[in-house]
N, C-alpha and C. Protein backbone atom coordinates (compact mmCIF):
# COMPACT_ATOMS: atom_id res chain seq x y z
N MET A 1 -4.66 0.59 17.35
CA MET A 1 -4.59 -0.69 16.66
C MET A 1 -4.86 -0.47 15.18
N CYS A 2 -4.12 -1.12 14.37
CA CYS A 2 -4.26 -0.97 12.92
C CYS A 2 -5.33 -1.90 12.39
N GLN A 3 -6.00 -1.46 11.35
CA GLN A 3 -6.96 -2.30 10.67
C GLN A 3 -6.26 -2.95 9.49
N GLN A 4 -6.54 -4.22 9.28
CA GLN A 4 -5.95 -4.94 8.15
C GLN A 4 -6.69 -4.56 6.88
N THR A 5 -5.95 -4.29 5.82
CA THR A 5 -6.54 -3.98 4.53
C THR A 5 -6.25 -5.15 3.60
N PRO A 6 -7.30 -5.85 3.11
CA PRO A 6 -7.09 -7.05 2.33
C PRO A 6 -6.69 -6.81 0.87
N ILE A 7 -6.43 -5.58 0.50
CA ILE A 7 -6.09 -5.32 -0.89
C ILE A 7 -4.59 -5.18 -1.06
N ASP A 8 -4.09 -5.60 -2.22
CA ASP A 8 -2.66 -5.57 -2.47
C ASP A 8 -2.21 -4.24 -3.06
N LYS A 9 -3.08 -3.58 -3.79
CA LYS A 9 -2.68 -2.34 -4.46
C LYS A 9 -3.86 -1.39 -4.44
N ILE A 10 -3.59 -0.16 -4.13
CA ILE A 10 -4.64 0.84 -4.12
C ILE A 10 -4.30 1.88 -5.17
N ALA A 11 -5.27 2.21 -5.98
CA ALA A 11 -5.07 3.23 -7.00
C ALA A 11 -6.22 4.22 -6.92
N ILE A 12 -5.93 5.46 -7.20
CA ILE A 12 -6.95 6.51 -7.19
C ILE A 12 -7.41 6.75 -8.62
N PRO A 13 -8.71 6.57 -8.88
CA PRO A 13 -9.20 6.87 -10.23
C PRO A 13 -9.01 8.36 -10.53
N PHE A 14 -8.57 8.67 -11.71
CA PHE A 14 -8.28 10.05 -12.08
C PHE A 14 -8.94 10.32 -13.42
N MET A 15 -9.89 11.23 -13.46
CA MET A 15 -10.58 11.56 -14.70
C MET A 15 -9.87 12.74 -15.36
N ASN A 16 -9.68 12.64 -16.65
CA ASN A 16 -9.09 13.74 -17.40
C ASN A 16 -9.76 13.84 -18.76
N ASP A 17 -9.24 14.66 -19.65
CA ASP A 17 -9.85 14.85 -20.96
C ASP A 17 -9.64 13.66 -21.88
N MET A 18 -8.72 12.78 -21.54
CA MET A 18 -8.47 11.62 -22.38
C MET A 18 -9.56 10.57 -22.14
N GLU A 19 -9.60 9.58 -23.02
CA GLU A 19 -10.59 8.54 -22.89
C GLU A 19 -10.28 7.62 -21.72
N GLY A 20 -11.29 7.19 -21.01
CA GLY A 20 -11.11 6.21 -19.93
C GLY A 20 -10.64 6.81 -18.63
N ILE A 21 -10.23 5.93 -17.75
CA ILE A 21 -9.76 6.32 -16.42
C ILE A 21 -8.29 5.96 -16.30
N THR A 22 -7.52 6.87 -15.79
CA THR A 22 -6.10 6.63 -15.54
C THR A 22 -5.93 6.42 -14.05
N THR A 23 -5.09 5.45 -13.66
CA THR A 23 -4.85 5.25 -12.22
C THR A 23 -3.52 5.88 -11.86
N MET A 24 -3.52 6.50 -10.69
CA MET A 24 -2.30 7.13 -10.18
C MET A 24 -1.88 6.34 -8.95
N PRO A 25 -0.64 5.91 -8.87
CA PRO A 25 -0.20 5.12 -7.70
C PRO A 25 -0.20 5.94 -6.42
N VAL A 26 -0.49 5.27 -5.33
CA VAL A 26 -0.46 5.88 -4.00
C VAL A 26 0.92 5.60 -3.41
N PRO A 27 1.57 6.59 -2.82
CA PRO A 27 2.89 6.35 -2.24
C PRO A 27 2.81 5.30 -1.13
N GLY A 28 3.76 4.42 -1.10
CA GLY A 28 3.80 3.38 -0.09
C GLY A 28 5.20 3.21 0.46
N ARG A 29 5.30 2.43 1.51
CA ARG A 29 6.60 2.13 2.12
C ARG A 29 6.70 0.64 2.30
N ARG A 30 7.93 0.16 2.29
CA ARG A 30 8.14 -1.27 2.53
C ARG A 30 8.10 -1.54 4.03
N CYS A 31 7.50 -2.65 4.40
CA CYS A 31 7.43 -3.04 5.81
C CYS A 31 8.83 -3.41 6.27
N PRO A 32 9.36 -2.76 7.33
CA PRO A 32 10.72 -3.05 7.79
C PRO A 32 10.86 -4.46 8.37
N ALA A 33 9.83 -4.95 9.04
CA ALA A 33 9.91 -6.30 9.63
C ALA A 33 9.96 -7.37 8.55
N CYS A 34 9.13 -7.23 7.52
CA CYS A 34 9.14 -8.21 6.42
C CYS A 34 10.43 -8.09 5.61
N LEU A 35 10.93 -6.87 5.47
CA LEU A 35 12.16 -6.64 4.72
C LEU A 35 13.34 -7.37 5.37
N GLU A 36 13.36 -7.42 6.70
CA GLU A 36 14.41 -8.14 7.42
C GLU A 36 14.35 -9.64 7.14
N ARG A 37 13.14 -10.14 6.84
CA ARG A 37 12.98 -11.57 6.52
C ARG A 37 13.16 -11.84 5.03
N GLY A 38 13.51 -10.80 4.27
CA GLY A 38 13.75 -10.98 2.85
C GLY A 38 12.52 -10.85 1.98
N GLN A 39 11.41 -10.39 2.56
CA GLN A 39 10.17 -10.20 1.81
C GLN A 39 9.96 -8.72 1.52
N THR A 40 9.36 -8.42 0.39
CA THR A 40 9.03 -7.05 0.07
C THR A 40 7.51 -6.90 0.11
N VAL A 41 7.02 -6.20 1.13
CA VAL A 41 5.58 -5.96 1.29
C VAL A 41 5.39 -4.47 1.35
N TRP A 42 4.60 -3.91 0.43
CA TRP A 42 4.34 -2.48 0.39
C TRP A 42 3.12 -2.15 1.24
N VAL A 43 3.23 -1.09 2.03
CA VAL A 43 2.18 -0.69 2.96
C VAL A 43 1.93 0.81 2.81
N ILE A 44 0.68 1.21 2.89
CA ILE A 44 0.34 2.63 2.88
C ILE A 44 0.79 3.21 4.22
N PRO A 45 1.53 4.33 4.21
CA PRO A 45 1.98 4.92 5.48
C PRO A 45 0.79 5.18 6.42
N GLY A 46 0.99 4.82 7.68
CA GLY A 46 -0.07 4.98 8.68
C GLY A 46 -0.91 3.73 8.86
N LYS A 47 -0.70 2.70 8.03
CA LYS A 47 -1.44 1.45 8.14
C LYS A 47 -0.52 0.35 8.66
N CYS A 48 -1.09 -0.83 8.92
CA CYS A 48 -0.30 -1.97 9.35
C CYS A 48 -0.04 -2.90 8.17
N CYS A 49 1.07 -3.59 8.25
CA CYS A 49 1.45 -4.54 7.21
C CYS A 49 0.41 -5.67 7.17
N PRO A 50 -0.11 -6.01 5.99
CA PRO A 50 -1.09 -7.09 5.90
C PRO A 50 -0.49 -8.48 6.18
N GLN A 51 0.85 -8.61 6.08
CA GLN A 51 1.49 -9.90 6.31
C GLN A 51 1.78 -10.14 7.78
N CYS A 52 2.39 -9.15 8.45
CA CYS A 52 2.84 -9.38 9.83
C CYS A 52 2.15 -8.47 10.86
N GLY A 53 1.43 -7.43 10.42
CA GLY A 53 0.72 -6.55 11.34
C GLY A 53 1.55 -5.43 11.93
N THR A 54 2.78 -5.24 11.44
CA THR A 54 3.64 -4.17 11.95
C THR A 54 3.12 -2.82 11.46
N PRO A 55 2.94 -1.83 12.36
CA PRO A 55 2.54 -0.49 11.93
C PRO A 55 3.65 0.16 11.12
N VAL A 56 3.31 0.78 10.01
CA VAL A 56 4.28 1.42 9.13
C VAL A 56 3.94 2.91 9.06
N ASN A 57 4.92 3.77 9.41
CA ASN A 57 4.71 5.22 9.37
C ASN A 57 5.41 5.85 8.21
């Protein structure tokens, strides 16, 4: 069973020699069930879609 993640975007903090923190995007996939309904919902592979609960691999 998948756990629902209430966040819309996940970023990994990345420290480097420059000032501040740079965020690096995490690869995601679009939920196929939501895509069929005309919605674009990005999901981290291996998690469930927060909108419809479909597992995304």
